[in-house]
Amino acid sequence: MNKRPISVTVVGCVFVATGIIGLGYHASEFKAQIPFDYGEVWVLFVRFLAIVGGVFTLRGANWARWLLLVWMAYHVYLSVSHSLLELLMHSVILVVVGYCLFHAKASAYFRG
């Protein structure tokens, strides 16, 4: 198996940390109430996906790097309705994450 590139390690760890911090933050806001707010569950699920994607990216799963790319693209989509600065920042992060996970050495790592 190829040695994991540093860029893949950094991206994987950042997504795990982002997921854990976001999950903790949003879980503290979670309230079981009637009518039930499924939007809160969706937010928790999206944060959980960041953790899963980060962990499996570190383990070399090809599907996980695609999950992280889609996860970041989803945040760009959400940013369209926010400020221009937020949209630009998420777009730049998407490009950086895409490069880190899909450059030649990273692709060789994910091929195993």
PDB file of N, CA and C in Angstrom:
ATOM      1  N   MET A   1       0.844  -1.188   0.000  1.00  0.00           N
ATOM      2  CA  MET A   1       0.000   0.000   0.000  1.00  0.00           C
ATOM      3  C   MET A   1       0.883   1.244   0.000  1.00  0.00           C
ATOM      4  N   ASN A   2       0.482   2.244  -0.758  1.00  0.00           N
ATOM      5  CA  ASN A   2       1.224   3.495  -0.830  1.00  0.00           C
ATOM      6  C   ASN A   2       1.139   4.246   0.487  1.00  0.00           C
ATOM      7  N   LYS A   3       2.170   5.043   0.732  1.00  0.00           N
ATOM      8  CA  LYS A   3       2.162   5.903   1.914  1.00  0.00           C
ATOM      9  C   LYS A   3       1.139   7.018   1.702  1.00  0.00           C
ATOM     10  N   ARG A   4       0.387   7.320   2.763  1.00  0.00           N
ATOM     11  CA  ARG A   4      -0.651   8.351   2.660  1.00  0.00           C
ATOM     12  C   ARG A   4      -0.001   9.724   2.525  1.00  0.00           C
ATOM     13  N   PRO A   5      -0.379  10.500   1.504  1.00  0.00           N
ATOM     14  CA  PRO A   5       0.140  11.864   1.356  1.00  0.00           C
ATOM     15  C   PRO A   5      -0.281  12.751   2.527  1.00  0.00           C
ATOM     16  N   ILE A   6       0.546  13.697   2.852  1.00  0.00           N
ATOM     17  CA  ILE A   6       0.259  14.607   3.966  1.00  0.00           C
ATOM     18  C   ILE A   6      -1.035  15.371   3.709  1.00  0.00           C
ATOM     19  N   SER A   7      -1.279  15.757   2.461  1.00  0.00           N
ATOM     20  CA  SER A   7      -2.498  16.519   2.156  1.00  0.00           C
ATOM     21  C   SER A   7      -3.752  15.708   2.491  1.00  0.00           C
ATOM     22  N   VAL A   8      -3.725  14.409   2.241  1.00  0.00           N
ATOM     23  CA  VAL A   8      -4.866  13.546   2.552  1.00  0.00           C
ATOM     24  C   VAL A   8      -5.029  13.445   4.071  1.00  0.00           C
ATOM     25  N   THR A   9      -3.914  13.322   4.783  1.00  0.00           N
ATOM     26  CA  THR A   9      -3.959  13.258   6.245  1.00  0.00           C
ATOM     27  C   THR A   9      -4.556  14.536   6.827  1.00  0.00           C
ATOM     28  N   VAL A  10      -4.099  15.669   6.330  1.00  0.00           N
ATOM     29  CA  VAL A  10      -4.601  16.949   6.834  1.00  0.00           C
ATOM     30  C   VAL A  10      -6.095  17.089   6.565  1.00  0.00           C
ATOM     31  N   VAL A  11      -6.519  16.821   5.331  1.00  0.00           N
ATOM     32  CA  VAL A  11      -7.940  16.957   4.985  1.00  0.00           C
ATOM     33  C   VAL A  11      -8.783  15.990   5.813  1.00  0.00           C
ATOM     34  N   GLY A  12      -8.346  14.743   5.925  1.00  0.00           N
ATOM     35  CA  GLY A  12      -9.098  13.771   6.719  1.00  0.00           C
ATOM     36  C   GLY A  12      -9.242  14.202   8.164  1.00  0.00           C
ATOM     37  N   CYS A  13      -8.150  14.649   8.763  1.00  0.00           N
ATOM     38  CA  CYS A  13      -8.186  15.095  10.164  1.00  0.00           C
ATOM     39  C   CYS A  13      -9.043  16.344  10.341  1.00  0.00           C
ATOM     40  N   VAL A  14      -8.967  17.264   9.404  1.00  0.00           N
ATOM     41  CA  VAL A  14      -9.786  18.482   9.488  1.00  0.00           C
ATOM     42  C   VAL A  14     -11.273  18.133   9.419  1.00  0.00           C
ATOM     43  N   PHE A  15     -11.640  17.210   8.550  1.00  0.00           N
ATOM     44  CA  PHE A  15     -13.050  16.827   8.451  1.00  0.00           C
ATOM     45  C   PHE A  15     -13.520  16.086   9.692  1.00  0.00           C
ATOM     46  N   VAL A  16     -12.674  15.232  10.261  1.00  0.00           N
ATOM     47  CA  VAL A  16     -13.051  14.551  11.506  1.00  0.00           C
ATOM     48  C   VAL A  16     -13.250  15.583  12.609  1.00  0.00           C
ATOM     49  N   ALA A  17     -12.314  16.508  12.746  1.00  0.00           N
ATOM     50  CA  ALA A  17     -12.422  17.542  13.776  1.00  0.00           C
ATOM     51  C   ALA A  17     -13.640  18.433  13.548  1.00  0.00           C
ATOM     52  N   THR A  18     -13.850  18.828  12.303  1.00  0.00           N
ATOM     53  CA  THR A  18     -15.006  19.664  11.969  1.00  0.00           C
ATOM     54  C   THR A  18     -16.309  18.945  12.302  1.00  0.00           C
ATOM     55  N   GLY A  19     -16.369  17.674  11.964  1.00  0.00           N
ATOM     56  CA  GLY A  19     -17.569  16.886  12.255  1.00  0.00           C
ATOM     57  C   GLY A  19     -17.819  16.755  13.741  1.00  0.00           C
ATOM     58  N   ILE A  20     -16.765  16.457  14.512  1.00  0.00           N
ATOM     59  CA  ILE A  20     -16.915  16.285  15.962  1.00  0.00           C
ATOM     60  C   ILE A  20     -17.331  17.598  16.620  1.00  0.00           C
ATOM     61  N   ILE A  21     -16.653  18.670  16.266  1.00  0.00           N
ATOM     62  CA  ILE A  21     -16.984  19.974  16.851  1.00  0.00           C
ATOM     63  C   ILE A  21     -18.401  20.387  16.463  1.00  0.00           C
ATOM     64  N   GLY A  22     -18.742  20.236  15.189  1.00  0.00           N
ATOM     65  CA  GLY A  22     -20.085  20.596  14.730  1.00  0.00           C
ATOM     66  C   GLY A  22     -21.160  19.725  15.349  1.00  0.00           C
ATOM     67  N   LEU A  23     -20.872  18.431  15.485  1.00  0.00           N
ATOM     68  CA  LEU A  23     -21.829  17.523  16.101  1.00  0.00           C
ATOM     69  C   LEU A  23     -22.069  17.908  17.554  1.00  0.00           C
ATOM     70  N   GLY A  24     -20.987  18.203  18.267  1.00  0.00           N
ATOM     71  CA  GLY A  24     -21.123  18.632  19.659  1.00  0.00           C
ATOM     72  C   GLY A  24     -21.878  19.945  19.789  1.00  0.00           C
ATOM     73  N   TYR A  25     -21.561  20.873  18.923  1.00  0.00           N
ATOM     74  CA  TYR A  25     -22.221  22.183  18.960  1.00  0.00           C
ATOM     75  C   TYR A  25     -23.713  22.058  18.667  1.00  0.00           C
ATOM     76  N   HIS A  26     -24.051  21.359  17.596  1.00  0.00           N
ATOM     77  CA  HIS A  26     -25.454  21.261  17.203  1.00  0.00           C
ATOM     78  C   HIS A  26     -26.243  20.296  18.082  1.00  0.00           C
ATOM     79  N   ALA A  27     -25.586  19.290  18.642  1.00  0.00           N
ATOM     80  CA  ALA A  27     -26.279  18.367  19.546  1.00  0.00           C
ATOM     81  C   ALA A  27     -26.720  19.089  20.815  1.00  0.00           C
ATOM     82  N   SER A  28     -25.959  20.094  21.220  1.00  0.00           N
ATOM     83  CA  SER A  28     -26.343  20.851  22.417  1.00  0.00           C
ATOM     84  C   SER A  28     -27.595  21.686  22.160  1.00  0.00           C
ATOM     85  N   GLU A  29     -27.886  21.992  20.908  1.00  0.00           N
ATOM     86  CA  GLU A  29     -29.090  22.759  20.558  1.00  0.00           C
ATOM     87  C   GLU A  29     -30.304  21.863  20.339  1.00  0.00           C
ATOM     88  N   PHE A  30     -30.062  20.552  20.241  1.00  0.00           N
ATOM     89  CA  PHE A  30     -31.117  19.591  19.918  1.00  0.00           C
ATOM     90  C   PHE A  30     -32.124  19.498  21.065  1.00  0.00           C
ATOM     91  N   LYS A  31     -33.397  19.599  20.716  1.00  0.00           N
ATOM     92  CA  LYS A  31     -34.470  19.493  21.701  1.00  0.00           C
ATOM     93  C   LYS A  31     -35.569  18.606  21.127  1.00  0.00           C
ATOM     94  N   ALA A  32     -35.926  17.596  21.884  1.00  0.00           N
ATOM     95  CA  ALA A  32     -37.042  16.741  21.468  1.00  0.00           C
ATOM     96  C   ALA A  32     -38.320  17.512  21.767  1.00  0.00           C
ATOM     97  N   GLN A  33     -39.034  17.838  20.746  1.00  0.00           N
ATOM     98  CA  GLN A  33     -40.249  18.638  20.915  1.00  0.00           C
ATOM     99  C   GLN A  33     -41.283  18.203  19.890  1.00  0.00           C
ATOM    100  N   ILE A  34     -42.477  18.668  20.104  1.00  0.00           N
ATOM    101  CA  ILE A  34     -43.556  18.386  19.160  1.00  0.00           C
ATOM    102  C   ILE A  34     -44.070  19.728  18.671  1.00  0.00           C
ATOM    103  N   PRO A  35     -44.164  19.995  17.406  1.00  0.00           N
ATOM    104  CA  PRO A  35     -43.771  19.114  16.301  1.00  0.00           C
ATOM    105  C   PRO A  35     -42.253  18.981  16.235  1.00  0.00           C
ATOM    106  N   PHE A  36     -41.822  17.813  15.814  1.00  0.00           N
ATOM    107  CA  PHE A  36     -40.400  17.502  15.766  1.00  0.00           C
ATOM    108  C   PHE A  36     -39.737  18.240  14.608  1.00  0.00           C
ATOM    109  N   ASP A  37     -38.592  18.823  14.876  1.00  0.00           N
ATOM    110  CA  ASP A  37     -37.857  19.573  13.857  1.00  0.00           C
ATOM    111  C   ASP A  37     -36.833  18.649  13.189  1.00  0.00           C
ATOM    112  N   TYR A  38     -37.179  18.131  12.021  1.00  0.00           N
ATOM    113  CA  TYR A  38     -36.291  17.222  11.314  1.00  0.00           C
ATOM    114  C   TYR A  38     -35.072  17.937  10.740  1.00  0.00           C
ATOM    115  N   GLY A  39     -35.139  19.247  10.654  1.00  0.00           N
ATOM    116  CA  GLY A  39     -33.981  20.009  10.187  1.00  0.00           C
ATOM    117  C   GLY A  39     -32.784  19.822  11.105  1.00  0.00           C
ATOM    118  N   GLU A  40     -33.034  19.731  12.402  1.00  0.00           N
ATOM    119  CA  GLU A  40     -31.948  19.511  13.356  1.00  0.00           C
ATOM    120  C   GLU A  40     -31.304  18.143  13.150  1.00  0.00           C
ATOM    121  N   VAL A  41     -32.116  17.155  12.867  1.00  0.00           N
ATOM    122  CA  VAL A  41     -31.594  15.809  12.610  1.00  0.00           C
ATOM    123  C   VAL A  41     -30.719  15.827  11.355  1.00  0.00           C
ATOM    124  N   TRP A  42     -31.162  16.548  10.332  1.00  0.00           N
ATOM    125  CA  TRP A  42     -30.394  16.645   9.096  1.00  0.00           C
ATOM    126  C   TRP A  42     -29.030  17.281   9.361  1.00  0.00           C
ATOM    127  N   VAL A  43     -28.996  18.336  10.159  1.00  0.00           N
ATOM    128  CA  VAL A  43     -27.737  19.000  10.480  1.00  0.00           C
ATOM    129  C   VAL A  43     -26.801  18.037  11.207  1.00  0.00           C
ATOM    130  N   LEU A  44     -27.321  17.284  12.156  1.00  0.00           N
ATOM    131  CA  LEU A  44     -26.508  16.302  12.881  1.00  0.00           C
ATOM    132  C   LEU A  44     -25.997  15.206  11.941  1.00  0.00           C
ATOM    133  N   PHE A  45     -26.847  14.781  11.021  1.00  0.00           N
ATOM    134  CA  PHE A  45     -26.460  13.747  10.060  1.00  0.00           C
ATOM    135  C   PHE A  45     -25.343  14.240   9.148  1.00  0.00           C
ATOM    136  N   VAL A  46     -25.443  15.475   8.687  1.00  0.00           N
ATOM    137  CA  VAL A  46     -24.414  16.044   7.813  1.00  0.00           C
ATOM    138  C   VAL A  46     -23.081  16.128   8.556  1.00  0.00           C
ATOM    139  N   ARG A  47     -23.120  16.509   9.827  1.00  0.00           N
ATOM    140  CA  ARG A  47     -21.894  16.556  10.635  1.00  0.00           C
ATOM    141  C   ARG A  47     -21.318  15.158  10.822  1.00  0.00           C
ATOM    142  N   PHE A  48     -22.189  14.181  11.026  1.00  0.00           N
ATOM    143  CA  PHE A  48     -21.754  12.794  11.172  1.00  0.00           C
ATOM    144  C   PHE A  48     -21.082  12.300   9.887  1.00  0.00           C
ATOM    145  N   LEU A  49     -21.615  12.717   8.735  1.00  0.00           N
ATOM    146  CA  LEU A  49     -21.008  12.340   7.458  1.00  0.00           C
ATOM    147  C   LEU A  49     -19.587  12.888   7.325  1.00  0.00           C
ATOM    148  N   ALA A  50     -19.328  14.066   7.882  1.00  0.00           N
ATOM    149  CA  ALA A  50     -17.974  14.622   7.843  1.00  0.00           C
ATOM    150  C   ALA A  50     -17.016  13.722   8.614  1.00  0.00           C
ATOM    151  N   ILE A  51     -17.457  13.213   9.749  1.00  0.00           N
ATOM    152  CA  ILE A  51     -16.617  12.319  10.551  1.00  0.00           C
ATOM    153  C   ILE A  51     -16.360  11.020   9.790  1.00  0.00           C
ATOM    154  N   VAL A  52     -17.417  10.429   9.270  1.00  0.00           N
ATOM    155  CA  VAL A  52     -17.289   9.166   8.527  1.00  0.00           C
ATOM    156  C   VAL A  52     -16.366   9.356   7.316  1.00  0.00           C
ATOM    157  N   GLY A  53     -16.590  10.409   6.565  1.00  0.00           N
ATOM    158  CA  GLY A  53     -15.754  10.674   5.396  1.00  0.00           C
ATOM    159  C   GLY A  53     -14.302  10.894   5.770  1.00  0.00           C
ATOM    160  N   GLY A  54     -14.064  11.646   6.828  1.00  0.00           N
ATOM    161  CA  GLY A  54     -12.689  11.895   7.273  1.00  0.00           C
ATOM    162  C   GLY A  54     -11.980  10.627   7.713  1.00  0.00           C
ATOM    163  N   VAL A  55     -12.658   9.811   8.512  1.00  0.00           N
ATOM    164  CA  VAL A  55     -12.057   8.569   9.006  1.00  0.00           C
ATOM    165  C   VAL A  55     -11.735   7.623   7.852  1.00  0.00           C
ATOM    166  N   PHE A  56     -12.683   7.434   6.964  1.00  0.00           N
ATOM    167  CA  PHE A  56     -12.457   6.483   5.870  1.00  0.00           C
ATOM    168  C   PHE A  56     -11.523   7.043   4.800  1.00  0.00           C
ATOM    169  N   THR A  57     -11.406   8.346   4.708  1.00  0.00           N
ATOM    170  CA  THR A  57     -10.401   8.934   3.830  1.00  0.00           C
ATOM    171  C   THR A  57      -9.013   8.607   4.372  1.00  0.00           C
ATOM    172  N   LEU A  58      -8.849   8.719   5.681  1.00  0.00           N
ATOM    173  CA  LEU A  58      -7.575   8.367   6.298  1.00  0.00           C
ATOM    174  C   LEU A  58      -7.245   6.888   6.099  1.00  0.00           C
ATOM    175  N   ARG A  59      -8.268   6.072   5.974  1.00  0.00           N
ATOM    176  CA  ARG A  59      -8.062   4.633   5.769  1.00  0.00           C
ATOM    177  C   ARG A  59      -7.895   4.262   4.291  1.00  0.00           C
ATOM    178  N   GLY A  60      -8.028   5.254   3.403  1.00  0.00           N
ATOM    179  CA  GLY A  60      -7.770   5.022   1.987  1.00  0.00           C
ATOM    180  C   GLY A  60      -8.971   4.580   1.170  1.00  0.00           C
ATOM    181  N   ALA A  61     -10.172   4.787   1.677  1.00  0.00           N
ATOM    182  CA  ALA A  61     -11.378   4.405   0.939  1.00  0.00           C
ATOM    183  C   ALA A  61     -11.680   5.451  -0.139  1.00  0.00           C
ATOM    184  N   ASN A  62     -11.709   5.010  -1.384  1.00  0.00           N
ATOM    185  CA  ASN A  62     -11.938   5.923  -2.503  1.00  0.00           C
ATOM    186  C   ASN A  62     -13.290   6.626  -2.396  1.00  0.00           C
ATOM    187  N   TRP A  63     -14.342   5.905  -1.991  1.00  0.00           N
ATOM    188  CA  TRP A  63     -15.671   6.504  -1.886  1.00  0.00           C
ATOM    189  C   TRP A  63     -15.684   7.642  -0.874  1.00  0.00           C
ATOM    190  N   ALA A  64     -14.806   7.571   0.139  1.00  0.00           N
ATOM    191  CA  ALA A  64     -14.809   8.584   1.199  1.00  0.00           C
ATOM    192  C   ALA A  64     -14.309   9.933   0.693  1.00  0.00           C
ATOM    193  N   ARG A  65     -13.344   9.907  -0.221  1.00  0.00           N
ATOM    194  CA  ARG A  65     -12.885  11.203  -0.743  1.00  0.00           C
ATOM    195  C   ARG A  65     -13.983  11.852  -1.577  1.00  0.00           C
ATOM    196  N   TRP A  66     -14.768  11.034  -2.277  1.00  0.00           N
ATOM    197  CA  TRP A  66     -15.903  11.579  -3.025  1.00  0.00           C
ATOM    198  C   TRP A  66     -16.965  12.111  -2.067  1.00  0.00           C
ATOM    199  N   LEU A  67     -17.173  11.422  -0.956  1.00  0.00           N
ATOM    200  CA  LEU A  67     -18.121  11.898   0.054  1.00  0.00           C
ATOM    201  C   LEU A  67     -17.706  13.270   0.578  1.00  0.00           C
ATOM    202  N   LEU A  68     -16.422  13.433   0.871  1.00  0.00           N
ATOM    203  CA  LEU A  68     -15.953  14.728   1.376  1.00  0.00           C
ATOM    204  C   LEU A  68     -16.098  15.827   0.333  1.00  0.00           C
ATOM    205  N   LEU A  69     -15.853  15.488  -0.917  1.00  0.00           N
ATOM    206  CA  LEU A  69     -16.017  16.481  -1.976  1.00  0.00           C
ATOM    207  C   LEU A  69     -17.486  16.898  -2.102  1.00  0.00           C
ATOM    208  N   VAL A  70     -18.389  15.934  -2.059  1.00  0.00           N
ATOM    209  CA  VAL A  70     -19.826  16.231  -2.123  1.00  0.00           C
ATOM    210  C   VAL A  70     -20.250  17.011  -0.882  1.00  0.00           C
ATOM    211  N   TRP A  71     -19.715  16.644   0.281  1.00  0.00           N
ATOM    212  CA  TRP A  71     -20.029  17.336   1.534  1.00  0.00           C
ATOM    213  C   TRP A  71     -19.666  18.814   1.408  1.00  0.00           C
ATOM    214  N   MET A  72     -18.480  19.073   0.863  1.00  0.00           N
ATOM    215  CA  MET A  72     -18.038  20.461   0.714  1.00  0.00           C
ATOM    216  C   MET A  72     -18.858  21.178  -0.351  1.00  0.00           C
ATOM    217  N   ALA A  73     -19.191  20.491  -1.443  1.00  0.00           N
ATOM    218  CA  ALA A  73     -20.016  21.101  -2.496  1.00  0.00           C
ATOM    219  C   ALA A  73     -21.397  21.452  -1.942  1.00  0.00           C
ATOM    220  N   TYR A  74     -21.924  20.618  -1.054  1.00  0.00           N
ATOM    221  CA  TYR A  74     -23.204  20.906  -0.414  1.00  0.00           C
ATOM    222  C   TYR A  74     -23.111  22.205   0.392  1.00  0.00           C
ATOM    223  N   HIS A  75     -21.998  22.424   1.048  1.00  0.00           N
ATOM    224  CA  HIS A  75     -21.833  23.664   1.806  1.00  0.00           C
ATOM    225  C   HIS A  75     -21.703  24.883   0.886  1.00  0.00           C
ATOM    226  N   VAL A  76     -21.113  24.688  -0.273  1.00  0.00           N
ATOM    227  CA  VAL A  76     -21.090  25.781  -1.252  1.00  0.00           C
ATOM    228  C   VAL A  76     -22.516  26.096  -1.681  1.00  0.00           C
ATOM    229  N   TYR A  77     -23.299  25.054  -1.944  1.00  0.00           N
ATOM    230  CA  TYR A  77     -24.707  25.227  -2.317  1.00  0.00           C
ATOM    231  C   TYR A  77     -25.473  25.986  -1.233  1.00  0.00           C
ATOM    232  N   LEU A  78     -25.267  25.604   0.031  1.00  0.00           N
ATOM    233  CA  LEU A  78     -25.944  26.300   1.130  1.00  0.00           C
ATOM    234  C   LEU A  78     -25.502  27.757   1.236  1.00  0.00           C
ATOM    235  N   SER A  79     -24.256  28.031   0.875  1.00  0.00           N
ATOM    236  CA  SER A  79     -23.707  29.386   0.996  1.00  0.00           C
ATOM    237  C   SER A  79     -24.277  30.351  -0.027  1.00  0.00           C
ATOM    238  N   VAL A  80     -24.925  29.830  -1.055  1.00  0.00           N
ATOM    239  CA  VAL A  80     -25.506  30.704  -2.079  1.00  0.00           C
ATOM    240  C   VAL A  80     -26.512  31.668  -1.453  1.00  0.00           C
ATOM    241  N   SER A  81     -27.225  31.212  -0.443  1.00  0.00           N
ATOM    242  CA  SER A  81     -28.232  32.064   0.196  1.00  0.00           C
ATOM    243  C   SER A  81     -27.655  32.905   1.338  1.00  0.00           C
ATOM    244  N   HIS A  82     -26.342  32.818   1.561  1.00  0.00           N
ATOM    245  CA  HIS A  82     -25.694  33.606   2.616  1.00  0.00           C
ATOM    246  C   HIS A  82     -24.875  34.727   1.991  1.00  0.00           C
ATOM    247  N   SER A  83     -23.913  35.232   2.726  1.00  0.00           N
ATOM    248  CA  SER A  83     -23.123  36.351   2.226  1.00  0.00           C
ATOM    249  C   SER A  83     -22.178  35.908   1.102  1.00  0.00           C
ATOM    250  N   LEU A  84     -21.776  36.870   0.304  1.00  0.00           N
ATOM    251  CA  LEU A  84     -20.842  36.606  -0.786  1.00  0.00           C
ATOM    252  C   LEU A  84     -19.516  36.087  -0.244  1.00  0.00           C
ATOM    253  N   LEU A  85     -19.064  36.632   0.886  1.00  0.00           N
ATOM    254  CA  LEU A  85     -17.812  36.193   1.490  1.00  0.00           C
ATOM    255  C   LEU A  85     -17.882  34.716   1.886  1.00  0.00           C
ATOM    256  N   GLU A  86     -19.002  34.305   2.469  1.00  0.00           N
ATOM    257  CA  GLU A  86     -19.161  32.908   2.858  1.00  0.00           C
ATOM    258  C   GLU A  86     -19.158  32.004   1.621  1.00  0.00           C
ATOM    259  N   LEU A  87     -19.833  32.423   0.581  1.00  0.00           N
ATOM    260  CA  LEU A  87     -19.844  31.664  -0.662  1.00  0.00           C
ATOM    261  C   LEU A  87     -18.430  31.527  -1.231  1.00  0.00           C
ATOM    262  N   LEU A  88     -17.685  32.617  -1.251  1.00  0.00           N
ATOM    263  CA  LEU A  88     -16.317  32.582  -1.762  1.00  0.00           C
ATOM    264  C   LEU A  88     -15.416  31.688  -0.916  1.00  0.00           C
ATOM    265  N   MET A  89     -15.543  31.783   0.396  1.00  0.00           N
ATOM    266  CA  MET A  89     -14.706  30.974   1.282  1.00  0.00           C
ATOM    267  C   MET A  89     -14.994  29.484   1.102  1.00  0.00           C
ATOM    268  N   HIS A  90     -16.268  29.115   1.068  1.00  0.00           N
ATOM    269  CA  HIS A  90     -16.614  27.709   0.871  1.00  0.00           C
ATOM    270  C   HIS A  90     -16.166  27.227  -0.516  1.00  0.00           C
ATOM    271  N   SER A  91     -16.249  28.093  -1.510  1.00  0.00           N
ATOM    272  CA  SER A  91     -15.801  27.727  -2.852  1.00  0.00           C
ATOM    273  C   SER A  91     -14.299  27.488  -2.887  1.00  0.00           C
ATOM    274  N   VAL A  92     -13.552  28.356  -2.240  1.00  0.00           N
ATOM    275  CA  VAL A  92     -12.093  28.191  -2.182  1.00  0.00           C
ATOM    276  C   VAL A  92     -11.748  26.905  -1.430  1.00  0.00           C
ATOM    277  N   ILE A  93     -12.423  26.654  -0.330  1.00  0.00           N
ATOM    278  CA  ILE A  93     -12.173  25.431   0.436  1.00  0.00           C
ATOM    279  C   ILE A  93     -12.498  24.204  -0.408  1.00  0.00           C
ATOM    280  N   LEU A  94     -13.577  24.266  -1.176  1.00  0.00           N
ATOM    281  CA  LEU A  94     -13.932  23.150  -2.064  1.00  0.00           C
ATOM    282  C   LEU A  94     -12.817  22.869  -3.071  1.00  0.00           C
ATOM    283  N   VAL A  95     -12.276  23.904  -3.663  1.00  0.00           N
ATOM    284  CA  VAL A  95     -11.196  23.737  -4.643  1.00  0.00           C
ATOM    285  C   VAL A  95      -9.955  23.147  -3.965  1.00  0.00           C
ATOM    286  N   VAL A  96      -9.608  23.654  -2.794  1.00  0.00           N
ATOM    287  CA  VAL A  96      -8.420  23.157  -2.075  1.00  0.00           C
ATOM    288  C   VAL A  96      -8.609  21.695  -1.674  1.00  0.00           C
ATOM    289  N   VAL A  97      -9.777  21.370  -1.128  1.00  0.00           N
ATOM    290  CA  VAL A  97     -10.062  19.987  -0.738  1.00  0.00           C
ATOM    291  C   VAL A  97     -10.020  19.080  -1.970  1.00  0.00           C
ATOM    292  N   GLY A  98     -10.624  19.533  -3.060  1.00  0.00           N
ATOM    293  CA  GLY A  98     -10.601  18.754  -4.291  1.00  0.00           C
ATOM    294  C   GLY A  98      -9.190  18.496  -4.769  1.00  0.00           C
ATOM    295  N   TYR A  99      -8.367  19.513  -4.743  1.00  0.00           N
ATOM    296  CA  TYR A  99      -6.974  19.330  -5.166  1.00  0.00           C
ATOM    297  C   TYR A  99      -6.249  18.358  -4.236  1.00  0.00           C
ATOM    298  N   CYS A 100      -6.399  18.552  -2.929  1.00  0.00           N
ATOM    299  CA  CYS A 100      -5.702  17.702  -1.961  1.00  0.00           C
ATOM    300  C   CYS A 100      -6.100  16.237  -2.078  1.00  0.00           C
ATOM    301  N   LEU A 101      -7.338  15.973  -2.426  1.00  0.00           N
ATOM    302  CA  LEU A 101      -7.816  14.592  -2.485  1.00  0.00           C
ATOM    303  C   LEU A 101      -7.687  13.943  -3.863  1.00  0.00           C
ATOM    304  N   PHE A 102      -7.437  14.757  -4.894  1.00  0.00           N
ATOM    305  CA  PHE A 102      -7.429  14.200  -6.246  1.00  0.00           C
ATOM    306  C   PHE A 102      -6.148  14.449  -7.033  1.00  0.00           C
ATOM    307  N   HIS A 103      -5.114  15.028  -6.412  1.00  0.00           N
ATOM    308  CA  HIS A 103      -3.861  15.179  -7.159  1.00  0.00           C
ATOM    309  C   HIS A 103      -3.243  13.799  -7.352  1.00  0.00           C
ATOM    310  N   ALA A 104      -2.203  13.710  -8.158  1.00  0.00           N
ATOM    311  CA  ALA A 104      -1.661  12.416  -8.607  1.00  0.00           C
ATOM    312  C   ALA A 104      -1.269  11.490  -7.454  1.00  0.00           C
ATOM    313  N   LYS A 105      -0.557  12.001  -6.453  1.00  0.00           N
ATOM    314  CA  LYS A 105      -0.129  11.146  -5.339  1.00  0.00           C
ATOM    315  C   LYS A 105      -1.319  10.680  -4.515  1.00  0.00           C
ATOM    316  N   ALA A 106      -2.294  11.555  -4.330  1.00  0.00           N
ATOM    317  CA  ALA A 106      -3.496  11.170  -3.585  1.00  0.00           C
ATOM    318  C   ALA A 106      -4.274  10.096  -4.340  1.00  0.00           C
ATOM    319  N   SER A 107      -4.388  10.277  -5.632  1.00  0.00           N
ATOM    320  CA  SER A 107      -5.107   9.270  -6.435  1.00  0.00           C
ATOM    321  C   SER A 107      -4.414   7.916  -6.381  1.00  0.00           C
ATOM    322  N   ALA A 108      -3.085   7.929  -6.386  1.00  0.00           N
ATOM    323  CA  ALA A 108      -2.351   6.669  -6.276  1.00  0.00           C
ATOM    324  C   ALA A 108      -2.582   6.019  -4.920  1.00  0.00           C
ATOM    325  N   TYR A 109      -2.653   6.833  -3.884  1.00  0.00           N
ATOM    326  CA  TYR A 109      -2.924   6.313  -2.539  1.00  0.00           C
ATOM    327  C   TYR A 109      -4.297   5.642  -2.483  1.00  0.00           C
ATOM    328  N   PHE A 110      -5.289   6.263  -3.075  1.00  0.00           N
ATOM    329  CA  PHE A 110      -6.640   5.717  -3.020  1.00  0.00           C
ATOM    330  C   PHE A 110      -6.804   4.494  -3.934  1.00  0.00           C
ATOM    331  N   ARG A 111      -5.942   4.344  -4.916  1.00  0.00           N
ATOM    332  CA  ARG A 111      -5.972   3.136  -5.745  1.00  0.00           C
ATOM    333  C   ARG A 111      -5.374   1.960  -5.002  1.00  0.00           C
ATOM    334  N   GLY A 112      -4.533   2.258  -3.975  1.00  0.00           N
ATOM    335  CA  GLY A 112      -3.937   1.197  -3.173  1.00  0.00           C
ATOM    336  C   GLY A 112      -2.814   0.569  -3.890  1.00  0.00           C
TER     337      GLY A 112
END
